[in-house]
Amino acid sequence: MSFAPTPTDIPVAITTPSSSSTTDEPRLHSERRITPTWTVSQVKSKLETMTGIPPACQRLRLKTPGRPDTWVEGDDSQIGNWGLMRGSEIEVHDTRPQAARVNFSDLSSVEKYMLPTETYESLPNSVLAWKKNQKLGRFDPNAHSPLEAMVETAGRDAEEVKKRDISVSKRAIILPSSPPHVRRGTVRFVGPVPSIPVTGVDLENLDASTPLPLWVGIELDEPTGKNDGSLNGKRYFECPSKTGVFVKPEKVEVGDFPALGLDELLDEDMEEI
């Protein structure tokens, strides 16, 4: 009595053709061990889990080194009869019209789950629960309200302006600064800037006597700024485009900082090469 040897599985590359006409890169590139005695129908059913293409809509193209590419026909034939060997590649083509194919990369129509706020707040193992247990942030009984924190900031800003002797028309540099990256300019504005929002505070409906955080508007010598002295349609000072910037008082140092001459600008440029 003789026994037929069990066919050895062959590792085969599984690919799908690119969906773009501008590239030859396959959309899928994987590997599957194929038993040569499997029928083409069996192979297609196993490839469905890899490609998402129904077996009836698959057309297989066998690529074998040293041989011309071959379209595999006949679902009842054995795949090994088509010259399958180590190094072969099976390219799986989808015969369905483009409109009938499922687009798994388009998430625009996928319904997204949003955890209700009430559910999240009731979870015992969330970041919010940890903050509650540690009494951090808004759960700190000694924490200031957003309005109180803003008023405190405004007081610190006023102290910094006085201590640093910041006033309009004085020369200043923006901290931190170190050669050759020293931004210098002229103070053009010192005061509150309602155009800059404060988290948790409705600036538009505040009492007029409520102190607001202070900002220092500087016209820079070079166009390395953010604006032209205006924010959100409201002007605070005049300067050319890209030379204006608003910074907090603690970031400003006033002093004898003359505008850089042409020779100094060239020297700075050379240091950056």
Protein backbone atom coordinates (compact mmCIF):
# COMPACT_ATOMS: atom_id res chain seq x y z
CA MET A 1 0.00 0.00 0.00
CA SER A 2 1.50 3.40 -0.97
CA PHE A 3 0.76 6.85 0.32
CA ALA A 4 0.83 10.03 -1.74
CA PRO A 5 3.05 12.69 -0.14
CA THR A 6 1.27 15.75 1.27
CA PRO A 7 1.81 18.73 -1.06
CA THR A 8 4.11 21.35 0.40
CA ASP A 9 2.55 24.74 0.90
CA ILE A 10 4.10 27.50 -1.20
CA PRO A 11 4.47 31.09 0.13
CA VAL A 12 2.92 33.41 -2.46
CA ALA A 13 2.71 37.20 -2.55
CA ILE A 14 -0.88 38.46 -2.73
CA THR A 15 -1.42 41.89 -4.28
CA THR A 16 -4.20 44.02 -5.70
CA PRO A 17 -3.58 46.49 -8.54
CA SER A 18 -3.22 50.17 -7.73
CA SER A 19 -6.37 52.26 -7.91
CA SER A 20 -4.37 55.22 -9.28
CA SER A 21 -3.18 55.59 -12.83
CA THR A 22 -0.18 57.62 -11.65
CA THR A 23 1.47 54.87 -9.63
CA ASP A 24 2.21 51.18 -9.99
CA GLU A 25 2.28 50.55 -6.24
CA PRO A 26 -0.27 47.87 -5.23
CA ARG A 27 -3.02 48.77 -2.78
CA LEU A 28 -2.46 45.48 -0.94
CA HIS A 29 0.76 43.53 -0.54
CA SER A 30 0.70 40.50 1.73
CA GLU A 31 1.75 36.87 1.76
CA ARG A 32 -0.28 33.66 1.90
CA ARG A 33 0.80 30.03 1.96
CA ILE A 34 -1.00 28.23 -0.86
CA THR A 35 -1.45 24.47 -1.14
CA PRO A 36 -0.89 23.48 -4.81
CA THR A 37 -3.79 20.97 -4.75
CA TRP A 38 -6.31 23.65 -3.86
CA THR A 39 -8.77 24.46 -6.58
CA VAL A 40 -8.90 27.99 -7.95
CA SER A 41 -12.30 28.31 -6.26
CA GLN A 42 -10.78 27.41 -2.88
CA VAL A 43 -7.99 29.94 -3.37
CA LYS A 44 -10.50 32.70 -4.19
CA SER A 45 -12.55 31.97 -1.07
CA LYS A 46 -9.43 32.29 1.09
CA LEU A 47 -8.36 35.50 -0.68
CA GLU A 48 -11.73 37.12 0.06
CA THR A 49 -10.74 37.60 3.72
CA MET A 50 -7.58 39.40 2.60
CA THR A 51 -8.93 41.54 -0.21
CA GLY A 52 -12.61 41.99 0.58
CA ILE A 53 -13.47 40.95 -2.98
CA PRO A 54 -16.17 38.26 -3.33
CA PRO A 55 -14.87 35.08 -5.03
CA ALA A 56 -17.30 35.47 -7.95
CA CYS A 57 -15.85 38.93 -8.65
CA GLN A 58 -12.20 37.92 -8.52
CA ARG A 59 -9.95 37.46 -11.52
CA LEU A 60 -6.51 36.09 -10.66
CA ARG A 61 -3.34 36.97 -12.51
CA LEU A 62 -0.37 34.73 -11.77
CA LYS A 63 3.09 36.29 -11.98
CA THR A 64 5.97 33.82 -11.87
CA PRO A 65 9.67 34.72 -12.27
CA GLY A 66 10.96 33.81 -15.74
CA ARG A 67 7.50 33.19 -17.17
CA PRO A 68 4.91 35.40 -18.82
CA ASP A 69 2.01 36.58 -16.64
CA THR A 70 -0.99 34.26 -16.84
CA TRP A 71 -4.70 34.76 -16.17
CA VAL A 72 -5.89 31.84 -14.04
CA GLU A 73 -9.12 30.39 -15.50
CA GLY A 74 -11.38 27.51 -14.46
CA ASP A 75 -12.53 27.49 -10.84
CA ASP A 76 -12.35 23.69 -10.67
CA SER A 77 -8.71 23.42 -11.81
CA GLN A 78 -5.91 23.03 -9.28
CA ILE A 79 -3.90 26.16 -8.68
CA GLY A 80 -0.67 24.14 -8.80
CA ASN A 81 -1.29 23.25 -12.43
CA TRP A 82 -0.72 26.89 -13.41
CA GLY A 83 2.96 26.78 -12.55
CA LEU A 84 2.74 28.04 -8.98
CA MET A 85 6.18 28.15 -7.36
CA ARG A 86 8.18 29.96 -4.69
CA GLY A 87 8.48 33.62 -5.67
CA SER A 88 5.13 33.68 -7.46
CA GLU A 89 2.65 36.52 -7.04
CA ILE A 90 -1.13 36.35 -7.34
CA GLU A 91 -2.62 39.68 -8.36
CA VAL A 92 -6.31 39.83 -7.45
CA HIS A 93 -8.44 41.96 -9.78
CA ASP A 94 -11.93 43.14 -8.86
CA THR A 95 -14.34 42.77 -11.78
CA ARG A 96 -17.10 44.83 -10.18
CA PRO A 97 -17.79 48.35 -11.46
CA GLN A 98 -16.11 51.05 -9.40
CA ALA A 99 -19.45 52.28 -8.08
CA ALA A 100 -20.29 48.81 -6.74
CA ARG A 101 -17.10 48.46 -4.70
CA VAL A 102 -17.10 49.24 -1.01
CA ASN A 103 -14.77 52.13 -0.18
CA PHE A 104 -13.30 51.29 3.21
CA SER A 105 -11.10 54.41 3.25
CA ASP A 106 -14.00 56.88 2.98
CA LEU A 107 -15.16 57.57 6.55
CA SER A 108 -17.42 60.51 5.73
CA SER A 109 -20.57 58.40 5.84
CA VAL A 110 -19.60 56.37 8.91
CA GLU A 111 -21.69 57.20 11.94
CA LYS A 112 -19.37 58.29 14.72
CA TYR A 113 -20.13 57.45 18.34
CA MET A 114 -20.07 60.35 20.77
CA LEU A 115 -19.94 59.50 24.46
CA PRO A 116 -22.64 61.50 26.27
CA THR A 117 -21.29 63.99 28.80
CA GLU A 118 -23.37 62.45 31.58
CA THR A 119 -21.93 58.99 30.86
CA TYR A 120 -18.36 60.27 30.80
CA GLU A 121 -18.78 62.13 34.08
CA SER A 122 -20.08 58.93 35.73
CA LEU A 123 -17.07 56.80 34.71
CA PRO A 124 -14.84 55.87 37.68
CA ASN A 125 -11.64 55.40 35.64
CA SER A 126 -11.56 58.52 33.48
CA VAL A 127 -9.17 61.49 33.56
CA LEU A 128 -12.05 63.57 34.86
CA ALA A 129 -12.56 61.16 37.77
CA TRP A 130 -8.84 61.30 38.56
CA LYS A 131 -8.93 65.12 38.61
CA LYS A 132 -11.91 65.00 40.96
CA ASN A 133 -10.09 62.62 43.33
CA GLN A 134 -6.92 64.72 43.25
CA LYS A 135 -8.87 67.99 43.52
CA LEU A 136 -7.15 69.46 40.51
CA GLY A 137 -8.19 72.24 38.15
CA ARG A 138 -11.79 73.34 38.64
CA PHE A 139 -12.20 70.72 41.38
CA ASP A 140 -9.64 72.46 43.60
CA PRO A 141 -11.68 74.20 46.33
CA ASN A 142 -8.99 76.90 46.54
CA ALA A 143 -8.78 77.48 42.79
CA HIS A 144 -9.70 80.88 41.42
CA SER A 145 -12.60 81.27 39.05
CA PRO A 146 -11.65 82.29 35.49
CA LEU A 147 -12.66 85.89 36.27
CA GLU A 148 -10.61 85.95 39.49
CA ALA A 149 -7.62 84.45 37.69
CA MET A 150 -7.90 87.11 34.96
CA VAL A 151 -8.00 89.95 37.49
CA GLU A 152 -4.97 88.48 39.25
CA THR A 153 -3.12 88.30 35.93
CA ALA A 154 -4.03 91.92 35.20
CA GLY A 155 -2.51 92.95 38.55
CA ARG A 156 0.73 91.08 37.81
CA ASP A 157 0.89 92.65 34.35
CA ALA A 158 0.55 96.15 35.83
CA GLU A 159 3.37 95.42 38.28
CA GLU A 160 5.61 94.15 35.46
CA VAL A 161 4.93 97.24 33.33
CA LYS A 162 5.89 99.50 36.24
CA LYS A 163 8.91 97.45 37.31
CA ARG A 164 10.29 97.22 33.78
CA ASP A 165 9.51 100.88 33.04
CA ILE A 166 7.67 99.97 29.84
CA SER A 167 6.10 102.89 28.00
CA VAL A 168 5.26 103.97 24.46
CA SER A 169 8.15 105.07 22.20
CA LYS A 170 10.84 103.27 24.21
CA ARG A 171 13.21 100.88 22.50
CA ALA A 172 12.86 97.26 23.54
CA ILE A 173 13.85 93.68 22.82
CA ILE A 174 11.65 90.61 23.14
CA LEU A 175 12.80 87.95 25.60
CA PRO A 176 14.27 85.43 25.46
CA SER A 177 16.80 86.83 22.99
CA SER A 178 20.35 85.78 22.23
CA PRO A 179 22.58 86.79 19.31
CA PRO A 180 22.08 86.55 16.44
CA HIS A 181 18.34 86.04 17.03
CA VAL A 182 17.51 89.27 18.86
CA ARG A 183 14.15 90.80 17.98
CA ARG A 184 14.21 94.51 18.72
CA GLY A 185 11.85 97.34 18.03
CA THR A 186 9.87 100.25 19.46
CA VAL A 187 7.03 100.07 21.97
CA ARG A 188 3.90 101.43 20.29
CA PHE A 189 1.16 100.32 22.68
CA VAL A 190 0.70 99.32 26.32
CA GLY A 191 -2.73 98.30 27.54
CA PRO A 192 -5.54 95.72 27.42
CA VAL A 193 -6.29 93.95 24.15
CA PRO A 194 -9.91 92.65 24.27
CA SER A 195 -9.34 91.05 20.86
CA ILE A 196 -7.25 88.39 22.64
CA PRO A 197 -9.73 86.04 24.39
CA VAL A 198 -9.46 84.93 28.01
CA THR A 199 -10.55 81.34 28.65
CA GLY A 200 -13.81 81.17 30.58
CA VAL A 201 -14.42 84.94 30.59
CA ASP A 202 -16.90 86.85 28.42
CA LEU A 203 -14.92 90.03 27.80
CA GLU A 204 -17.75 91.75 25.94
CA ASN A 205 -20.12 91.74 28.91
CA LEU A 206 -17.66 92.64 31.67
CA ASP A 207 -18.14 95.65 33.89
CA ALA A 208 -16.08 98.56 32.56
CA SER A 209 -14.20 98.81 35.87
CA THR A 210 -12.88 95.23 35.68
CA PRO A 211 -9.11 95.26 35.05
CA LEU A 212 -7.99 93.35 31.98
CA PRO A 213 -4.64 91.69 31.25
CA LEU A 214 -2.10 94.04 29.72
CA TRP A 215 -0.19 93.54 26.48
CA VAL A 216 2.74 95.38 24.95
CA GLY A 217 2.50 96.16 21.24
CA ILE A 218 5.90 96.44 19.57
CA GLU A 219 6.81 97.58 16.06
CA LEU A 220 9.78 95.38 15.15
CA ASP A 221 12.74 96.63 13.12
CA GLU A 222 12.44 93.64 10.79
CA PRO A 223 9.36 91.93 9.28
CA THR A 224 9.38 89.02 11.74
CA GLY A 225 6.11 89.94 13.45
CA LYS A 226 2.54 88.68 13.25
CA ASN A 227 0.42 91.70 12.25
CA ASP A 228 0.27 95.40 11.41
CA GLY A 229 -0.80 96.59 14.86
CA SER A 230 -4.38 95.36 14.53
CA LEU A 231 -6.15 92.21 15.74
CA ASN A 232 -9.50 90.87 14.59
CA GLY A 233 -10.32 94.12 12.81
CA LYS A 234 -9.49 96.42 15.73
CA ARG A 235 -6.41 98.65 15.47
CA TYR A 236 -4.20 99.30 18.48
CA PHE A 237 -1.21 100.96 16.78
CA GLU A 238 0.15 101.65 13.31
CA CYS A 239 3.06 99.76 11.72
CA PRO A 240 3.90 98.05 8.42
CA SER A 241 2.59 94.54 7.78
CA LYS A 242 4.43 91.71 9.55
CA THR A 243 6.30 94.09 11.87
CA GLY A 244 3.74 94.22 14.67
CA VAL A 245 3.58 91.85 17.62
CA PHE A 246 1.79 91.73 20.99
CA VAL A 247 3.70 90.22 23.92
CA LYS A 248 3.22 90.00 27.67
CA PRO A 249 5.09 92.55 29.80
CA GLU A 250 7.40 89.95 31.35
CA LYS A 251 8.72 89.19 27.84
CA VAL A 252 9.82 92.81 27.24
CA GLU A 253 13.09 94.50 28.17
CA VAL A 254 13.40 98.21 27.45
CA GLY A 255 16.76 99.97 27.10
CA ASP A 256 19.28 101.43 24.71
CA PHE A 257 18.68 99.10 21.78
CA PRO A 258 19.33 101.15 18.61
CA ALA A 259 18.08 99.92 15.28
CA LEU A 260 20.56 97.67 13.53
CA GLY A 261 22.58 99.26 10.76
CA LEU A 262 23.16 97.63 7.37
CA ASP A 263 26.61 96.35 8.39
CA GLU A 264 25.19 94.74 11.54
CA LEU A 265 22.36 93.12 9.56
CA LEU A 266 24.89 91.66 7.14
CA ASP A 267 26.98 90.36 10.04
CA GLU A 268 23.91 88.67 11.56
CA ASP A 269 23.03 87.12 8.22
CA MET A 270 26.56 85.77 7.86
CA GLU A 271 26.36 84.16 11.30
CA GLU A 272 23.28 82.21 10.20
CA ILE A 273 24.82 80.76 7.02
